[in-house]
Amino acid sequence: MSWLEPVTLRGRNATLEPLAQKHLAGLVEAVNDGELWKLWYTSVPTPDGMAAEIDRRLGLQANGAMLPFTVFDAAGRCAGMTTFMNVDRAFKRVEIGSTWYAKRVQRTPLNTECKLMLMTHAFEKLNCIAVEYRTGFFNHQSRRAIERLGAKLDGVLRNHQRYANGTLRDTCVYSIIESEWPTVKAHLTFQLEKPRPPSLPAG
């Protein structure tokens, strides 16, 4: 068996299943919720490009460079995608990235639980020494979400990549290291278990 094998991770608010082409219709529905591909500072597949994106991620999985997941919400609806990527088997490091969620599940416990499940698997099953997160400098929502997890900023890779519109991306690199994991786990568990105020009716 390889170090990074497909696995299903289940929680109260989310389930992560190994990505498959059978998830295509659900993922197209999810990405249409909020038209996420229109955000210039992210790399989210378009509805028409979703099948090719699934093939791309599965191809990287076949080469041992990625372990992609489909994210399902508590009701069993497709809610997005996430991956273990930039896999370093020799030193047991992974990045959690290429993540996007339907607008309806943003700012809910789903992301916190997904990150808790992924990092629990990385640190406690794969024995990783560090888990990395990367995002664009102007993706302030993503940066705040990563910082709320307890990740620390390692630095900024200047002119690291180009966005689809041709502009240059400065990439913010964050990480959580093995010695920090018990505290981060306790923090995320507390966040998930504390009572939440009821949602206000729309209008």
N, C-alpha and C. Protein backbone atom coordinates (compact mmCIF):
# COMPACT_ATOMS: atom_id res chain seq x y z
N MET A 1 0.84 -1.20 0.00
CA MET A 1 0.00 0.00 0.00
C MET A 1 0.87 1.25 0.00
N SER A 2 0.40 2.30 -0.69
CA SER A 2 1.13 3.54 -0.69
C SER A 2 0.83 4.29 0.61
N TRP A 3 1.67 5.30 0.88
CA TRP A 3 1.51 6.07 2.11
C TRP A 3 0.18 6.83 2.14
N LEU A 4 -0.24 7.32 0.99
CA LEU A 4 -1.45 8.14 0.91
C LEU A 4 -2.53 7.39 0.13
N GLU A 5 -3.41 6.69 0.85
CA GLU A 5 -4.46 5.88 0.23
C GLU A 5 -5.80 6.59 0.32
N PRO A 6 -6.68 6.41 -0.68
CA PRO A 6 -8.03 6.99 -0.60
C PRO A 6 -8.74 6.53 0.67
N VAL A 7 -9.47 7.45 1.29
CA VAL A 7 -10.15 7.18 2.55
C VAL A 7 -11.39 8.07 2.63
N THR A 8 -12.42 7.59 3.29
CA THR A 8 -13.62 8.39 3.56
C THR A 8 -13.56 8.87 5.01
N LEU A 9 -13.78 10.17 5.21
CA LEU A 9 -13.75 10.77 6.54
C LEU A 9 -15.14 11.33 6.84
N ARG A 10 -15.71 10.93 7.97
CA ARG A 10 -17.08 11.30 8.29
C ARG A 10 -17.16 12.12 9.58
N GLY A 11 -17.96 13.18 9.55
CA GLY A 11 -18.22 13.98 10.73
C GLY A 11 -19.70 14.30 10.84
N ARG A 12 -20.06 15.18 11.77
CA ARG A 12 -21.46 15.54 11.96
C ARG A 12 -21.93 16.53 10.89
N ASN A 13 -21.05 17.41 10.46
CA ASN A 13 -21.42 18.47 9.53
C ASN A 13 -20.99 18.20 8.09
N ALA A 14 -20.10 17.24 7.91
CA ALA A 14 -19.53 17.01 6.58
C ALA A 14 -19.02 15.58 6.46
N THR A 15 -18.96 15.12 5.22
CA THR A 15 -18.31 13.85 4.88
C THR A 15 -17.39 14.11 3.71
N LEU A 16 -16.18 13.57 3.77
CA LEU A 16 -15.22 13.67 2.68
C LEU A 16 -15.09 12.29 2.04
N GLU A 17 -15.45 12.21 0.77
CA GLU A 17 -15.35 10.96 0.02
C GLU A 17 -14.31 11.11 -1.07
N PRO A 18 -13.60 10.02 -1.42
CA PRO A 18 -12.66 10.10 -2.54
C PRO A 18 -13.36 10.62 -3.79
N LEU A 19 -12.75 11.59 -4.43
CA LEU A 19 -13.32 12.21 -5.63
C LEU A 19 -13.56 11.17 -6.72
N ALA A 20 -14.69 11.29 -7.42
CA ALA A 20 -15.02 10.37 -8.51
C ALA A 20 -15.85 11.11 -9.55
N GLN A 21 -15.80 10.65 -10.80
CA GLN A 21 -16.57 11.29 -11.86
C GLN A 21 -18.08 11.21 -11.59
N LYS A 22 -18.53 10.24 -10.80
CA LYS A 22 -19.96 10.15 -10.49
C LYS A 22 -20.44 11.35 -9.67
N HIS A 23 -19.52 12.13 -9.14
CA HIS A 23 -19.89 13.31 -8.37
C HIS A 23 -20.07 14.54 -9.25
N LEU A 24 -19.90 14.39 -10.57
CA LEU A 24 -19.87 15.54 -11.47
C LEU A 24 -21.10 16.43 -11.35
N ALA A 25 -22.29 15.85 -11.46
CA ALA A 25 -23.51 16.67 -11.45
C ALA A 25 -23.64 17.44 -10.14
N GLY A 26 -23.36 16.79 -9.03
CA GLY A 26 -23.46 17.46 -7.74
C GLY A 26 -22.45 18.57 -7.59
N LEU A 27 -21.24 18.38 -8.12
CA LEU A 27 -20.22 19.41 -8.03
C LEU A 27 -20.55 20.60 -8.92
N VAL A 28 -21.13 20.35 -10.08
CA VAL A 28 -21.57 21.45 -10.95
C VAL A 28 -22.64 22.27 -10.24
N GLU A 29 -23.59 21.60 -9.61
CA GLU A 29 -24.63 22.31 -8.85
C GLU A 29 -24.00 23.14 -7.73
N ALA A 30 -23.01 22.56 -7.04
CA ALA A 30 -22.37 23.27 -5.92
C ALA A 30 -21.61 24.50 -6.39
N VAL A 31 -20.87 24.39 -7.50
CA VAL A 31 -20.06 25.53 -7.95
C VAL A 31 -20.94 26.64 -8.52
N ASN A 32 -22.13 26.29 -8.98
CA ASN A 32 -23.06 27.31 -9.46
C ASN A 32 -23.64 28.14 -8.32
N ASP A 33 -23.60 27.59 -7.11
CA ASP A 33 -24.11 28.30 -5.94
C ASP A 33 -23.09 29.35 -5.52
N GLY A 34 -23.27 30.55 -6.00
CA GLY A 34 -22.34 31.64 -5.73
C GLY A 34 -21.45 31.98 -6.91
N GLU A 35 -21.55 31.21 -8.01
CA GLU A 35 -20.73 31.44 -9.21
C GLU A 35 -19.27 31.68 -8.81
N LEU A 36 -18.73 30.70 -8.10
CA LEU A 36 -17.44 30.87 -7.44
C LEU A 36 -16.28 31.09 -8.41
N TRP A 37 -16.39 30.61 -9.62
CA TRP A 37 -15.30 30.74 -10.58
C TRP A 37 -15.10 32.19 -11.03
N LYS A 38 -16.04 33.07 -10.72
CA LYS A 38 -15.92 34.47 -11.11
C LYS A 38 -15.03 35.28 -10.18
N LEU A 39 -14.63 34.71 -9.05
CA LEU A 39 -13.73 35.40 -8.13
C LEU A 39 -12.32 35.33 -8.71
N TRP A 40 -11.79 36.47 -9.15
CA TRP A 40 -10.53 36.49 -9.90
C TRP A 40 -9.35 36.00 -9.07
N TYR A 41 -9.40 36.14 -7.74
CA TYR A 41 -8.27 35.80 -6.88
C TYR A 41 -8.30 34.36 -6.40
N THR A 42 -9.16 33.53 -6.99
CA THR A 42 -9.19 32.10 -6.67
C THR A 42 -9.09 31.29 -7.95
N SER A 43 -8.87 30.00 -7.80
CA SER A 43 -8.85 29.09 -8.95
C SER A 43 -9.92 28.03 -8.73
N VAL A 44 -11.13 28.35 -9.13
CA VAL A 44 -12.27 27.46 -8.96
C VAL A 44 -12.76 27.03 -10.34
N PRO A 45 -13.01 25.73 -10.55
CA PRO A 45 -13.44 25.29 -11.88
C PRO A 45 -14.80 25.87 -12.28
N THR A 46 -14.96 26.11 -13.57
CA THR A 46 -16.26 26.53 -14.09
C THR A 46 -17.16 25.30 -14.21
N PRO A 47 -18.48 25.50 -14.32
CA PRO A 47 -19.35 24.33 -14.53
C PRO A 47 -18.94 23.50 -15.74
N ASP A 48 -18.63 24.18 -16.85
CA ASP A 48 -18.23 23.46 -18.06
C ASP A 48 -16.87 22.78 -17.92
N GLY A 49 -16.05 23.29 -17.03
CA GLY A 49 -14.72 22.73 -16.85
C GLY A 49 -14.61 21.72 -15.72
N MET A 50 -15.75 21.41 -15.08
CA MET A 50 -15.70 20.55 -13.90
C MET A 50 -15.22 19.13 -14.23
N ALA A 51 -15.71 18.55 -15.32
CA ALA A 51 -15.29 17.19 -15.68
C ALA A 51 -13.79 17.12 -15.90
N ALA A 52 -13.24 18.14 -16.59
CA ALA A 52 -11.80 18.17 -16.82
C ALA A 52 -11.03 18.36 -15.52
N GLU A 53 -11.60 19.14 -14.58
CA GLU A 53 -10.93 19.33 -13.29
C GLU A 53 -10.92 18.04 -12.48
N ILE A 54 -12.00 17.28 -12.54
CA ILE A 54 -12.02 15.98 -11.86
C ILE A 54 -10.96 15.07 -12.46
N ASP A 55 -10.89 15.04 -13.79
CA ASP A 55 -9.87 14.21 -14.46
C ASP A 55 -8.46 14.65 -14.06
N ARG A 56 -8.24 15.99 -13.98
CA ARG A 56 -6.92 16.49 -13.61
C ARG A 56 -6.52 16.02 -12.22
N ARG A 57 -7.44 16.15 -11.29
CA ARG A 57 -7.12 15.76 -9.91
C ARG A 57 -6.93 14.25 -9.79
N LEU A 58 -7.74 13.49 -10.50
CA LEU A 58 -7.59 12.03 -10.45
C LEU A 58 -6.29 11.60 -11.12
N GLY A 59 -5.86 12.34 -12.15
CA GLY A 59 -4.57 12.04 -12.77
C GLY A 59 -3.42 12.28 -11.81
N LEU A 60 -3.49 13.36 -11.05
CA LEU A 60 -2.45 13.63 -10.05
C LEU A 60 -2.49 12.58 -8.95
N GLN A 61 -3.69 12.12 -8.61
CA GLN A 61 -3.78 11.04 -7.62
C GLN A 61 -3.11 9.77 -8.13
N ALA A 62 -3.32 9.45 -9.40
CA ALA A 62 -2.72 8.24 -9.97
C ALA A 62 -1.20 8.31 -9.95
N ASN A 63 -0.66 9.55 -10.02
CA ASN A 63 0.79 9.74 -9.97
C ASN A 63 1.33 9.92 -8.56
N GLY A 64 0.44 9.80 -7.56
CA GLY A 64 0.87 9.90 -6.18
C GLY A 64 1.11 11.31 -5.69
N ALA A 65 0.61 12.33 -6.44
CA ALA A 65 0.89 13.72 -6.09
C ALA A 65 -0.28 14.40 -5.39
N MET A 66 -1.41 13.74 -5.29
CA MET A 66 -2.60 14.37 -4.73
C MET A 66 -3.56 13.30 -4.24
N LEU A 67 -4.34 13.63 -3.21
CA LEU A 67 -5.45 12.79 -2.78
C LEU A 67 -6.68 13.69 -2.69
N PRO A 68 -7.52 13.68 -3.75
CA PRO A 68 -8.66 14.61 -3.81
C PRO A 68 -9.93 14.03 -3.18
N PHE A 69 -10.74 14.94 -2.63
CA PHE A 69 -11.99 14.56 -1.99
C PHE A 69 -13.13 15.40 -2.55
N THR A 70 -14.33 14.80 -2.55
CA THR A 70 -15.57 15.55 -2.70
C THR A 70 -16.13 15.78 -1.31
N VAL A 71 -16.55 17.02 -1.06
CA VAL A 71 -17.12 17.39 0.24
C VAL A 71 -18.64 17.30 0.15
N PHE A 72 -19.24 16.59 1.10
CA PHE A 72 -20.70 16.51 1.21
C PHE A 72 -21.14 17.16 2.51
N ASP A 73 -22.29 17.84 2.50
CA ASP A 73 -22.79 18.45 3.72
C ASP A 73 -23.56 17.41 4.55
N ALA A 74 -24.13 17.84 5.66
CA ALA A 74 -24.81 16.92 6.58
C ALA A 74 -26.03 16.28 5.93
N ALA A 75 -26.60 16.94 4.92
CA ALA A 75 -27.76 16.39 4.22
C ALA A 75 -27.37 15.46 3.08
N GLY A 76 -26.07 15.31 2.84
CA GLY A 76 -25.60 14.43 1.78
C GLY A 76 -25.49 15.08 0.41
N ARG A 77 -25.61 16.40 0.34
CA ARG A 77 -25.47 17.12 -0.94
C ARG A 77 -24.01 17.49 -1.17
N CYS A 78 -23.59 17.43 -2.43
CA CYS A 78 -22.24 17.89 -2.76
C CYS A 78 -22.10 19.35 -2.38
N ALA A 79 -20.99 19.65 -1.71
CA ALA A 79 -20.78 21.02 -1.22
C ALA A 79 -19.46 21.60 -1.69
N GLY A 80 -18.59 20.81 -2.34
CA GLY A 80 -17.32 21.35 -2.80
C GLY A 80 -16.25 20.28 -2.96
N MET A 81 -15.00 20.75 -3.03
CA MET A 81 -13.85 19.87 -3.23
C MET A 81 -12.72 20.32 -2.31
N THR A 82 -11.86 19.37 -1.94
CA THR A 82 -10.63 19.69 -1.21
C THR A 82 -9.62 18.59 -1.49
N THR A 83 -8.35 18.81 -1.15
CA THR A 83 -7.33 17.80 -1.46
C THR A 83 -6.18 17.84 -0.46
N PHE A 84 -5.51 16.70 -0.35
CA PHE A 84 -4.13 16.64 0.10
C PHE A 84 -3.28 16.80 -1.16
N MET A 85 -2.34 17.74 -1.17
CA MET A 85 -1.54 17.99 -2.36
C MET A 85 -0.12 18.35 -1.96
N ASN A 86 0.73 18.60 -2.96
CA ASN A 86 2.16 18.85 -2.70
C ASN A 86 2.70 17.83 -1.70
N VAL A 87 2.48 16.59 -2.03
CA VAL A 87 2.78 15.47 -1.13
C VAL A 87 4.29 15.23 -1.05
N ASP A 88 4.82 15.20 0.14
CA ASP A 88 6.24 14.91 0.38
C ASP A 88 6.32 13.64 1.23
N ARG A 89 6.45 12.50 0.55
CA ARG A 89 6.49 11.22 1.26
C ARG A 89 7.73 11.06 2.12
N ALA A 90 8.85 11.56 1.63
CA ALA A 90 10.11 11.36 2.34
C ALA A 90 10.08 11.99 3.73
N PHE A 91 9.54 13.21 3.81
CA PHE A 91 9.53 13.92 5.08
C PHE A 91 8.13 14.02 5.69
N LYS A 92 7.15 13.40 5.03
CA LYS A 92 5.78 13.32 5.53
C LYS A 92 5.20 14.71 5.82
N ARG A 93 5.08 15.45 4.73
CA ARG A 93 4.41 16.75 4.75
C ARG A 93 3.34 16.75 3.66
N VAL A 94 2.23 17.43 3.90
CA VAL A 94 1.20 17.60 2.89
C VAL A 94 0.66 19.02 2.98
N GLU A 95 0.11 19.47 1.87
CA GLU A 95 -0.66 20.71 1.86
C GLU A 95 -2.13 20.35 1.74
N ILE A 96 -2.99 21.04 2.47
CA ILE A 96 -4.43 20.95 2.28
C ILE A 96 -4.82 22.15 1.44
N GLY A 97 -5.31 21.90 0.23
CA GLY A 97 -5.58 23.01 -0.66
C GLY A 97 -6.51 22.64 -1.80
N SER A 98 -6.53 23.52 -2.83
CA SER A 98 -7.46 23.39 -3.96
C SER A 98 -8.88 23.16 -3.44
N THR A 99 -9.23 23.96 -2.43
CA THR A 99 -10.51 23.82 -1.74
C THR A 99 -11.48 24.91 -2.17
N TRP A 100 -12.70 24.51 -2.42
CA TRP A 100 -13.78 25.48 -2.64
C TRP A 100 -15.08 24.89 -2.12
N TYR A 101 -15.98 25.78 -1.68
CA TYR A 101 -17.27 25.36 -1.13
C TYR A 101 -18.40 26.17 -1.74
N ALA A 102 -19.55 25.53 -1.91
CA ALA A 102 -20.76 26.23 -2.33
C ALA A 102 -21.07 27.36 -1.35
N LYS A 103 -21.64 28.42 -1.86
CA LYS A 103 -21.93 29.59 -1.02
C LYS A 103 -22.80 29.23 0.17
N ARG A 104 -23.72 28.29 0.01
CA ARG A 104 -24.67 27.96 1.07
C ARG A 104 -24.01 27.36 2.31
N VAL A 105 -22.80 26.80 2.16
CA VAL A 105 -22.14 26.20 3.33
C VAL A 105 -20.98 27.05 3.84
N GLN A 106 -20.71 28.16 3.18
CA GLN A 106 -19.66 29.05 3.68
C GLN A 106 -20.13 29.71 4.97
N ARG A 107 -19.18 29.96 5.89
CA ARG A 107 -19.48 30.54 7.20
C ARG A 107 -20.37 29.64 8.04
N THR A 108 -20.25 28.33 7.84
CA THR A 108 -20.92 27.33 8.67
C THR A 108 -19.82 26.45 9.28
N PRO A 109 -20.18 25.52 10.19
CA PRO A 109 -19.16 24.65 10.78
C PRO A 109 -18.51 23.68 9.80
N LEU A 110 -19.01 23.60 8.58
CA LEU A 110 -18.51 22.58 7.64
C LEU A 110 -17.01 22.69 7.40
N ASN A 111 -16.51 23.89 7.12
CA ASN A 111 -15.08 24.02 6.83
C ASN A 111 -14.22 23.65 8.04
N THR A 112 -14.63 24.11 9.22
CA THR A 112 -13.86 23.77 10.43
C THR A 112 -13.78 22.27 10.61
N GLU A 113 -14.91 21.58 10.42
CA GLU A 113 -14.90 20.13 10.60
C GLU A 113 -14.08 19.43 9.52
N CYS A 114 -14.17 19.91 8.28
CA CYS A 114 -13.35 19.31 7.22
C CYS A 114 -11.87 19.42 7.56
N LYS A 115 -11.44 20.61 7.98
CA LYS A 115 -10.03 20.80 8.31
C LYS A 115 -9.64 19.94 9.51
N LEU A 116 -10.51 19.82 10.50
CA LEU A 116 -10.22 18.98 11.66
C LEU A 116 -10.05 17.52 11.23
N MET A 117 -10.94 17.02 10.38
CA MET A 117 -10.84 15.63 9.93
C MET A 117 -9.58 15.41 9.10
N LEU A 118 -9.29 16.34 8.19
CA LEU A 118 -8.11 16.18 7.34
C LEU A 118 -6.82 16.23 8.16
N MET A 119 -6.73 17.17 9.10
CA MET A 119 -5.51 17.27 9.89
C MET A 119 -5.38 16.12 10.88
N THR A 120 -6.49 15.64 11.41
CA THR A 120 -6.43 14.46 12.28
C THR A 120 -5.86 13.28 11.50
N HIS A 121 -6.32 13.11 10.27
CA HIS A 121 -5.81 12.02 9.43
C HIS A 121 -4.32 12.24 9.13
N ALA A 122 -3.96 13.48 8.81
CA ALA A 122 -2.57 13.76 8.44
C ALA A 122 -1.62 13.54 9.61
N PHE A 123 -1.95 14.06 10.77
CA PHE A 123 -1.04 13.98 11.91
C PHE A 123 -1.11 12.63 12.63
N GLU A 124 -2.30 12.05 12.73
CA GLU A 124 -2.47 10.86 13.57
C GLU A 124 -2.46 9.55 12.80
N LYS A 125 -2.72 9.58 11.51
CA LYS A 125 -2.68 8.35 10.69
C LYS A 125 -1.46 8.34 9.77
N LEU A 126 -1.16 9.49 9.16
CA LEU A 126 -0.03 9.56 8.23
C LEU A 126 1.26 9.99 8.92
N ASN A 127 1.16 10.41 10.20
CA ASN A 127 2.33 10.84 10.98
C ASN A 127 3.09 11.98 10.31
N CYS A 128 2.34 12.96 9.81
CA CYS A 128 2.96 14.12 9.16
C CYS A 128 3.69 14.98 10.20
N ILE A 129 4.77 15.61 9.75
CA ILE A 129 5.50 16.54 10.61
C ILE A 129 4.97 17.96 10.45
N ALA A 130 4.22 18.22 9.37
CA ALA A 130 3.63 19.54 9.15
C ALA A 130 2.52 19.43 8.11
N VAL A 131 1.54 20.30 8.25
CA VAL A 131 0.47 20.46 7.26
C VAL A 131 0.49 21.91 6.82
N GLU A 132 0.49 22.11 5.52
CA GLU A 132 0.65 23.44 4.94
C GLU A 132 -0.66 23.91 4.31
N TYR A 133 -0.83 25.23 4.31
CA TYR A 133 -1.95 25.88 3.61
C TYR A 133 -1.38 27.02 2.78
N ARG A 134 -1.91 27.21 1.57
CA ARG A 134 -1.47 28.31 0.72
C ARG A 134 -2.69 29.01 0.15
N THR A 135 -2.57 30.33 0.00
CA THR A 135 -3.66 31.09 -0.62
C THR A 135 -3.10 32.38 -1.18
N GLY A 136 -3.84 33.00 -2.08
CA GLY A 136 -3.40 34.25 -2.68
C GLY A 136 -3.47 35.40 -1.69
N PHE A 137 -2.58 36.36 -1.85
CA PHE A 137 -2.49 37.50 -0.93
C PHE A 137 -3.83 38.24 -0.83
N PHE A 138 -4.54 38.39 -1.96
CA PHE A 138 -5.78 39.15 -1.97
C PHE A 138 -7.00 38.32 -1.58
N ASN A 139 -6.82 37.05 -1.31
CA ASN A 139 -7.94 36.21 -0.88
C ASN A 139 -8.07 36.34 0.64
N HIS A 140 -8.57 37.50 1.07
CA HIS A 140 -8.61 37.81 2.49
C HIS A 140 -9.53 36.86 3.26
N GLN A 141 -10.62 36.42 2.64
CA GLN A 141 -11.53 35.49 3.30
C GLN A 141 -10.81 34.18 3.60
N SER A 142 -10.07 33.66 2.64
CA SER A 142 -9.32 32.42 2.84
C SER A 142 -8.22 32.60 3.88
N ARG A 143 -7.53 33.74 3.83
CA ARG A 143 -6.45 33.97 4.80
C ARG A 143 -7.00 34.02 6.22
N ARG A 144 -8.12 34.70 6.41
CA ARG A 144 -8.72 34.75 7.75
C ARG A 144 -9.15 33.37 8.21
N ALA A 145 -9.71 32.58 7.29
CA ALA A 145 -10.15 31.22 7.66
C ALA A 145 -8.96 30.35 8.06
N ILE A 146 -7.85 30.46 7.33
CA ILE A 146 -6.65 29.69 7.66
C ILE A 146 -6.10 30.11 9.01
N GLU A 147 -6.07 31.41 9.26
CA GLU A 147 -5.55 31.90 10.54
C GLU A 147 -6.43 31.48 11.70
N ARG A 148 -7.75 31.41 11.48
CA ARG A 148 -8.66 30.96 12.54
C ARG A 148 -8.42 29.50 12.92
N LEU A 149 -7.87 28.72 11.99
CA LEU A 149 -7.54 27.33 12.30
C LEU A 149 -6.39 27.24 13.31
N GLY A 150 -5.58 28.28 13.38
CA GLY A 150 -4.39 28.24 14.23
C GLY A 150 -3.11 28.13 13.44
N ALA A 151 -3.19 28.19 12.11
CA ALA A 151 -1.98 28.12 11.29
C ALA A 151 -1.20 29.43 11.39
N LYS A 152 0.11 29.33 11.27
CA LYS A 152 0.99 30.50 11.34
C LYS A 152 1.58 30.78 9.96
N LEU A 153 1.76 32.06 9.67
CA LEU A 153 2.29 32.48 8.37
C LEU A 153 3.79 32.20 8.31
N ASP A 154 4.19 31.35 7.36
CA ASP A 154 5.62 31.07 7.15
C ASP A 154 6.27 32.16 6.32
N GLY A 155 5.51 32.73 5.36
CA GLY A 155 6.07 33.76 4.50
C GLY A 155 5.21 33.95 3.26
N VAL A 156 5.66 34.83 2.39
CA VAL A 156 4.93 35.14 1.15
C VAL A 156 5.84 34.87 -0.03
N LEU A 157 5.38 34.03 -0.96
CA LEU A 157 6.11 33.76 -2.20
C LEU A 157 5.68 34.82 -3.22
N ARG A 158 6.56 35.76 -3.49
CA ARG A 158 6.23 36.88 -4.35
C ARG A 158 6.28 36.46 -5.83
N ASN A 159 5.30 36.97 -6.62
CA ASN A 159 5.21 36.59 -8.04
C ASN A 159 5.31 35.08 -8.21
N HIS A 160 4.53 34.37 -7.42
CA HIS A 160 4.63 32.91 -7.38
C HIS A 160 3.93 32.24 -8.56
N GLN A 161 2.77 32.79 -8.96
CA GLN A 161 1.98 32.19 -10.02
C GLN A 161 1.24 33.29 -10.78
N ARG A 162 0.53 32.88 -11.84
CA ARG A 162 -0.37 33.81 -12.53
C ARG A 162 -1.81 33.33 -12.39
N TYR A 163 -2.70 34.29 -12.20
CA TYR A 163 -4.12 33.97 -12.20
C TYR A 163 -4.60 33.80 -13.65
N ALA A 164 -5.83 33.31 -13.78
CA ALA A 164 -6.39 33.08 -15.12
C ALA A 164 -6.47 34.37 -15.93
N ASN A 165 -6.60 35.52 -15.24
CA ASN A 165 -6.70 36.80 -15.96
C ASN A 165 -5.33 37.38 -16.30
N GLY A 166 -4.26 36.63 -16.00
CA GLY A 166 -2.92 37.06 -16.35
C GLY A 166 -2.18 37.83 -15.28
N THR A 167 -2.87 38.25 -14.22
CA THR A 167 -2.20 39.00 -13.16
C THR A 167 -1.36 38.05 -12.29
N LEU A 168 -0.36 38.63 -11.64
CA LEU A 168 0.56 37.83 -10.83
C LEU A 168 0.03 37.63 -9.42
N ARG A 169 0.27 36.45 -8.90
CA ARG A 169 -0.18 36.10 -7.56
C ARG A 169 0.98 36.01 -6.59
N ASP A 170 0.86 36.74 -5.48
CA ASP A 170 1.73 36.52 -4.32
C ASP A 170 1.04 35.48 -3.45
N THR A 171 1.74 34.40 -3.11
CA THR A 171 1.15 33.29 -2.37
C THR A 171 1.57 33.33 -0.91
N CYS A 172 0.57 33.39 -0.03
CA CYS A 172 0.82 33.34 1.42
C CYS A 172 0.89 31.88 1.85
N VAL A 173 1.98 31.51 2.49
CA VAL A 173 2.21 30.12 2.93
C VAL A 173 2.07 30.04 4.44
N TYR A 174 1.16 29.20 4.89
CA TYR A 174 0.92 28.97 6.31
C TYR A 174 1.21 27.50 6.63
N SER A 175 1.43 27.21 7.92
CA SER A 175 1.57 25.81 8.31
C SER A 175 1.18 25.60 9.76
N ILE A 176 0.85 24.37 10.06
CA ILE A 176 0.70 23.87 11.43
C ILE A 176 1.68 22.73 11.55
N ILE A 177 2.54 22.75 12.58
CA ILE A 177 3.55 21.71 12.74
C ILE A 177 3.11 20.70 13.79
N GLU A 178 3.78 19.58 13.78
CA GLU A 178 3.38 18.43 14.60
C GLU A 178 3.23 18.81 16.08
N SER A 179 4.16 19.59 16.61
CA SER A 179 4.10 19.93 18.03
C SER A 179 2.92 20.83 18.38
N GLU A 180 2.39 21.55 17.39
CA GLU A 180 1.25 22.43 17.61
C GLU A 180 -0.09 21.71 17.50
N TRP A 181 -0.08 20.52 16.92
CA TRP A 181 -1.32 19.85 16.60
C TRP A 181 -2.23 19.61 17.80
N PRO A 182 -1.76 19.13 18.96
CA PRO A 182 -2.69 18.91 20.08
C PRO A 182 -3.47 20.17 20.47
N THR A 183 -2.79 21.31 20.49
CA THR A 183 -3.47 22.56 20.84
C THR A 183 -4.45 22.98 19.76
N VAL A 184 -4.03 22.86 18.51
CA VAL A 184 -4.93 23.21 17.39
C VAL A 184 -6.15 22.29 17.39
N LYS A 185 -5.94 21.02 17.64
CA LYS A 185 -7.07 20.07 17.68
C LYS A 185 -8.05 20.44 18.78
N ALA A 186 -7.53 20.78 19.96
CA ALA A 186 -8.41 21.17 21.06
C ALA A 186 -9.19 22.44 20.71
N HIS A 187 -8.52 23.38 20.05
CA HIS A 187 -9.17 24.63 19.64
C HIS A 187 -10.30 24.37 18.65
N LEU A 188 -10.04 23.56 17.62
CA LEU A 188 -11.06 23.30 16.60
C LEU A 188 -12.21 22.48 17.18
N THR A 189 -11.90 21.54 18.04
CA THR A 189 -12.95 20.74 18.68
C THR A 189 -13.86 21.63 19.52
N PHE A 190 -13.25 22.56 20.26
CA PHE A 190 -14.03 23.50 21.07
C PHE A 190 -14.93 24.36 20.18
N GLN A 191 -14.39 24.83 19.06
CA GLN A 191 -15.17 25.67 18.15
C GLN A 191 -16.38 24.91 17.61
N LEU A 192 -16.21 23.64 17.33
CA LEU A 192 -17.31 22.84 16.78
C LEU A 192 -18.36 22.51 17.84
N GLU A 193 -17.94 22.37 19.08
CA GLU A 193 -18.85 21.92 20.13
C GLU A 193 -19.58 23.05 20.85
N LYS A 194 -19.07 24.29 20.74
CA LYS A 194 -19.73 25.39 21.47
C LYS A 194 -21.06 25.73 20.82
N PRO A 195 -22.04 26.13 21.64
CA PRO A 195 -23.36 26.47 21.07
C PRO A 195 -23.25 27.64 20.10
N ARG A 196 -24.07 27.58 19.06
CA ARG A 196 -24.10 28.66 18.07
C ARG A 196 -25.43 29.38 18.16
N PRO A 197 -25.43 30.71 18.01
CA PRO A 197 -26.70 31.43 18.04
C PRO A 197 -27.58 31.03 16.85
N PRO A 198 -28.89 31.00 17.05
CA PRO A 198 -29.79 30.64 15.93
C PRO A 198 -29.69 31.64 14.81
N SER A 199 -29.85 31.16 13.58
CA SER A 199 -29.80 32.04 12.42
C SER A 199 -31.03 32.94 12.40
N LEU A 200 -30.83 34.19 12.00
CA LEU A 200 -31.95 35.12 11.87
C LEU A 200 -32.67 34.87 10.56
N PRO A 201 -33.98 35.04 10.54
CA PRO A 201 -34.72 34.85 9.28
C PRO A 201 -34.31 35.88 8.25
N ALA A 202 -34.33 35.49 6.99
CA ALA A 202 -33.96 36.42 5.91
C ALA A 202 -34.97 37.55 5.80
N GLY A 203 -34.51 38.69 5.30
CA GLY A 203 -35.41 39.81 5.07
C GLY A 203 -35.25 40.88 6.09
